[in-house]
N, C-alpha and C. Protein backbone atom coordinates (compact mmCIF):
# COMPACT_ATOMS: atom_id res chain seq x y z
N UNK A 1 0.84 -1.15 0.00
CA UNK A 1 0.00 0.00 0.00
C UNK A 1 0.90 1.23 0.00
N UNK A 2 0.90 1.98 -1.09
CA UNK A 2 1.71 3.20 -1.12
C UNK A 2 1.09 4.29 -0.26
N UNK A 3 1.94 5.08 0.34
CA UNK A 3 1.51 6.18 1.21
C UNK A 3 2.00 7.49 0.59
N UNK A 4 1.07 8.42 0.40
CA UNK A 4 1.41 9.71 -0.22
C UNK A 4 2.35 10.52 0.68
N UNK A 5 3.23 11.33 0.07
CA UNK A 5 4.09 12.20 0.88
C UNK A 5 3.25 13.10 1.78
N UNK A 6 3.65 13.22 3.03
CA UNK A 6 2.97 14.08 3.98
C UNK A 6 1.65 13.55 4.50
N UNK A 7 1.31 12.31 4.16
CA UNK A 7 0.02 11.75 4.58
C UNK A 7 -0.02 11.54 6.10
N UNK A 8 -1.01 12.14 6.76
CA UNK A 8 -1.12 11.91 8.21
C UNK A 8 -1.79 10.57 8.50
N UNK A 9 -1.23 9.82 9.45
CA UNK A 9 -1.84 8.56 9.87
C UNK A 9 -2.01 8.64 11.39
N UNK A 10 -3.25 8.71 11.81
CA UNK A 10 -3.56 8.77 13.24
C UNK A 10 -3.24 7.43 13.87
N UNK A 11 -2.63 7.46 15.04
CA UNK A 11 -2.20 6.27 15.78
C UNK A 11 -1.08 5.50 15.06
N UNK A 12 -0.29 6.19 14.24
CA UNK A 12 0.79 5.55 13.49
C UNK A 12 1.81 4.88 14.41
N UNK A 13 1.92 5.37 15.63
CA UNK A 13 2.89 4.77 16.56
C UNK A 13 2.55 3.31 16.89
N UNK A 14 1.30 2.90 16.66
CA UNK A 14 0.90 1.52 16.91
C UNK A 14 1.32 0.57 15.79
N UNK A 15 1.64 1.13 14.63
CA UNK A 15 1.93 0.30 13.45
C UNK A 15 3.40 -0.09 13.44
N UNK A 16 3.64 -1.30 13.85
CA UNK A 16 4.99 -1.86 13.89
C UNK A 16 4.95 -3.21 13.18
N UNK A 17 6.07 -3.70 12.70
CA UNK A 17 6.10 -5.00 12.05
C UNK A 17 5.55 -6.05 13.01
N UNK A 18 4.60 -6.84 12.51
CA UNK A 18 3.97 -7.88 13.30
C UNK A 18 2.72 -7.45 14.05
N UNK A 19 2.45 -6.13 14.09
CA UNK A 19 1.28 -5.63 14.81
C UNK A 19 0.02 -5.94 14.03
N UNK A 20 -1.05 -6.25 14.76
CA UNK A 20 -2.37 -6.39 14.15
C UNK A 20 -2.97 -4.99 14.06
N UNK A 21 -3.35 -4.59 12.86
CA UNK A 21 -3.91 -3.25 12.69
C UNK A 21 -5.22 -3.33 11.92
N UNK A 22 -5.98 -2.27 12.00
CA UNK A 22 -7.21 -2.12 11.22
C UNK A 22 -7.15 -0.70 10.65
N UNK A 23 -6.72 -0.60 9.42
CA UNK A 23 -6.45 0.69 8.80
C UNK A 23 -7.64 1.16 7.97
N UNK A 24 -8.06 2.37 8.22
CA UNK A 24 -9.08 2.99 7.38
C UNK A 24 -8.52 4.31 6.89
N UNK A 25 -9.04 4.81 5.78
CA UNK A 25 -8.51 6.07 5.30
C UNK A 25 -9.05 6.47 3.95
N UNK A 26 -8.36 7.41 3.34
CA UNK A 26 -8.74 7.95 2.04
C UNK A 26 -7.56 7.87 1.10
N UNK A 27 -7.86 7.62 -0.17
CA UNK A 27 -6.82 7.56 -1.20
C UNK A 27 -6.78 8.86 -1.99
N UNK A 28 -5.61 9.16 -2.54
CA UNK A 28 -5.51 10.32 -3.43
C UNK A 28 -5.77 9.86 -4.87
N UNK A 29 -5.60 10.76 -5.84
CA UNK A 29 -5.87 10.42 -7.24
C UNK A 29 -4.87 9.42 -7.82
N UNK A 30 -3.78 9.16 -7.12
CA UNK A 30 -2.79 8.17 -7.56
C UNK A 30 -2.94 6.85 -6.79
N UNK A 31 -4.06 6.71 -6.07
CA UNK A 31 -4.40 5.51 -5.30
C UNK A 31 -3.40 5.23 -4.17
N UNK A 32 -2.86 6.29 -3.59
CA UNK A 32 -1.98 6.19 -2.43
C UNK A 32 -2.78 6.59 -1.20
N UNK A 33 -2.40 6.06 -0.06
CA UNK A 33 -3.04 6.46 1.18
C UNK A 33 -2.73 7.93 1.43
N UNK A 34 -3.77 8.75 1.47
CA UNK A 34 -3.58 10.20 1.65
C UNK A 34 -3.88 10.63 3.07
N UNK A 35 -4.68 9.85 3.76
CA UNK A 35 -5.05 10.13 5.14
C UNK A 35 -5.49 8.81 5.73
N UNK A 36 -4.94 8.43 6.87
CA UNK A 36 -5.28 7.14 7.43
C UNK A 36 -5.40 7.15 8.93
N UNK A 37 -5.92 6.04 9.44
CA UNK A 37 -6.11 5.89 10.88
C UNK A 37 -6.08 4.41 11.22
N UNK A 38 -5.29 4.05 12.23
CA UNK A 38 -5.34 2.69 12.77
C UNK A 38 -6.49 2.66 13.76
N UNK A 39 -7.53 1.94 13.44
CA UNK A 39 -8.73 1.88 14.27
C UNK A 39 -8.90 0.48 14.84
N UNK A 40 -8.70 0.34 16.10
CA UNK A 40 -8.99 -0.94 16.74
C UNK A 40 -9.99 -0.68 17.83
N UNK A 41 -11.02 -1.49 17.99
CA UNK A 41 -11.32 -2.69 17.20
C UNK A 41 -11.70 -2.33 15.78
N UNK A 42 -11.94 -3.34 14.97
CA UNK A 42 -12.19 -3.19 13.54
C UNK A 42 -13.20 -2.08 13.23
N UNK A 43 -12.86 -1.28 12.26
CA UNK A 43 -13.73 -0.17 11.85
C UNK A 43 -14.94 -0.68 11.09
N UNK A 44 -16.00 0.08 11.11
CA UNK A 44 -17.19 -0.29 10.36
C UNK A 44 -17.19 0.34 8.97
N UNK A 45 -16.28 1.30 8.74
CA UNK A 45 -16.16 1.91 7.41
C UNK A 45 -15.20 1.06 6.58
N UNK A 46 -14.87 1.52 5.40
CA UNK A 46 -13.91 0.78 4.58
C UNK A 46 -12.60 0.68 5.33
N UNK A 47 -12.12 -0.53 5.49
CA UNK A 47 -10.88 -0.71 6.22
C UNK A 47 -10.17 -1.95 5.75
N UNK A 48 -8.92 -2.07 6.11
CA UNK A 48 -8.09 -3.22 5.79
C UNK A 48 -7.49 -3.69 7.10
N UNK A 49 -7.82 -4.90 7.50
CA UNK A 49 -7.29 -5.42 8.76
C UNK A 49 -6.26 -6.50 8.46
N UNK A 50 -5.23 -6.56 9.26
CA UNK A 50 -4.22 -7.58 9.07
C UNK A 50 -2.98 -7.30 9.87
N UNK A 51 -1.92 -8.04 9.53
CA UNK A 51 -0.63 -7.89 10.19
C UNK A 51 0.27 -7.01 9.35
N UNK A 52 0.96 -6.12 10.02
CA UNK A 52 1.92 -5.26 9.34
C UNK A 52 3.21 -6.03 9.11
N UNK A 53 3.58 -6.21 7.84
CA UNK A 53 4.82 -6.92 7.51
C UNK A 53 6.00 -5.98 7.36
N UNK A 54 5.74 -4.76 6.90
CA UNK A 54 6.78 -3.75 6.82
C UNK A 54 6.12 -2.39 6.70
N UNK A 55 6.85 -1.37 7.07
CA UNK A 55 6.33 -0.02 6.98
C UNK A 55 7.48 0.96 6.81
N UNK A 56 7.38 1.79 5.80
CA UNK A 56 8.29 2.90 5.59
C UNK A 56 7.42 4.15 5.62
N UNK A 57 7.49 4.92 6.71
CA UNK A 57 6.63 6.10 6.82
C UNK A 57 6.92 7.12 5.71
N UNK A 58 5.89 7.82 5.30
CA UNK A 58 6.08 8.91 4.34
C UNK A 58 6.66 10.11 5.09
N UNK A 59 7.47 10.88 4.40
CA UNK A 59 7.97 12.14 4.97
C UNK A 59 7.23 13.27 4.28
N UNK A 60 7.60 14.48 4.56
CA UNK A 60 6.92 15.63 3.95
C UNK A 60 7.06 15.64 2.44
N UNK A 61 8.19 15.11 1.92
CA UNK A 61 8.41 15.15 0.48
C UNK A 61 8.65 13.79 -0.17
N UNK A 62 8.60 12.70 0.58
CA UNK A 62 8.83 11.37 0.02
C UNK A 62 7.67 10.45 0.36
N UNK A 63 7.30 9.64 -0.62
CA UNK A 63 6.24 8.65 -0.40
C UNK A 63 6.73 7.55 0.54
N UNK A 64 5.81 6.90 1.19
CA UNK A 64 6.13 5.76 2.04
C UNK A 64 5.40 4.53 1.53
N UNK A 65 5.51 3.44 2.29
CA UNK A 65 4.87 2.20 1.89
C UNK A 65 4.58 1.35 3.12
N UNK A 66 3.50 0.59 3.04
CA UNK A 66 3.16 -0.33 4.11
C UNK A 66 2.72 -1.64 3.45
N UNK A 67 3.18 -2.76 3.97
CA UNK A 67 2.76 -4.06 3.45
C UNK A 67 2.00 -4.77 4.55
N UNK A 68 0.75 -5.16 4.23
CA UNK A 68 -0.11 -5.85 5.18
C UNK A 68 -0.44 -7.24 4.68
N UNK A 69 -0.55 -8.17 5.61
CA UNK A 69 -1.11 -9.48 5.30
C UNK A 69 -2.54 -9.40 5.80
N UNK A 70 -3.48 -9.41 4.87
CA UNK A 70 -4.88 -9.23 5.22
C UNK A 70 -5.44 -10.49 5.86
N UNK A 71 -6.24 -10.29 6.89
CA UNK A 71 -6.91 -11.41 7.54
C UNK A 71 -8.27 -11.62 6.91
N UNK A 72 -8.56 -12.87 6.59
CA UNK A 72 -9.87 -13.22 6.07
C UNK A 72 -10.55 -14.06 7.13
N UNK A 73 -11.65 -13.57 7.72
CA UNK A 73 -12.30 -14.30 8.81
C UNK A 73 -12.64 -15.73 8.42
N UNK A 74 -12.22 -16.67 9.25
CA UNK A 74 -12.54 -18.08 9.04
C UNK A 74 -11.64 -18.81 8.07
N UNK A 75 -10.73 -18.10 7.37
CA UNK A 75 -9.89 -18.75 6.37
C UNK A 75 -8.98 -19.81 7.00
N UNK A 76 -8.34 -19.48 8.12
CA UNK A 76 -7.44 -20.43 8.76
C UNK A 76 -8.19 -21.70 9.15
N UNK A 77 -9.37 -21.55 9.72
CA UNK A 77 -10.15 -22.71 10.12
C UNK A 77 -10.58 -23.54 8.91
N UNK A 78 -10.93 -22.88 7.81
CA UNK A 78 -11.34 -23.58 6.60
C UNK A 78 -10.18 -24.40 6.04
N UNK A 79 -8.99 -23.82 6.00
CA UNK A 79 -7.82 -24.53 5.49
C UNK A 79 -7.49 -25.72 6.39
N UNK A 80 -7.53 -25.49 7.70
CA UNK A 80 -7.25 -26.59 8.62
C UNK A 80 -8.26 -27.72 8.47
N UNK A 81 -9.53 -27.40 8.27
CA UNK A 81 -10.57 -28.42 8.09
C UNK A 81 -10.30 -29.21 6.81
N UNK A 82 -9.92 -28.53 5.73
CA UNK A 82 -9.62 -29.22 4.48
C UNK A 82 -8.41 -30.14 4.63
N UNK A 83 -7.40 -29.67 5.35
CA UNK A 83 -6.21 -30.50 5.57
C UNK A 83 -6.55 -31.74 6.39
N UNK A 84 -7.45 -31.60 7.35
CA UNK A 84 -7.86 -32.74 8.18
C UNK A 84 -8.61 -33.76 7.33
N UNK A 85 -9.39 -33.31 6.37
CA UNK A 85 -10.15 -34.22 5.49
C UNK A 85 -9.21 -35.09 4.67
N UNK A 86 -8.05 -34.54 4.31
CA UNK A 86 -7.10 -35.25 3.45
C UNK A 86 -6.27 -36.26 4.20
N UNK A 87 -6.32 -36.25 5.53
CA UNK A 87 -5.52 -37.19 6.34
C UNK A 87 -6.19 -38.53 6.43
């Protein structure tokens, strides 16, 4: 997820590698995060929840980037159930 230069992210101090986050925000015309917020518990608006794998904060003049592993509710249990069926 690209982050626009100067983009404010509320509660950014919570976003560390391995942290569970629930990010909501707005994109700019280049589809970069232009304004964001880590909202826990899960937001009811458009949001992306998952684990932060890496984060390079944007500065006033340089873009940043964040890589998330998105959580899909029930996916782990579904995979485990399928693996059990194959045993």
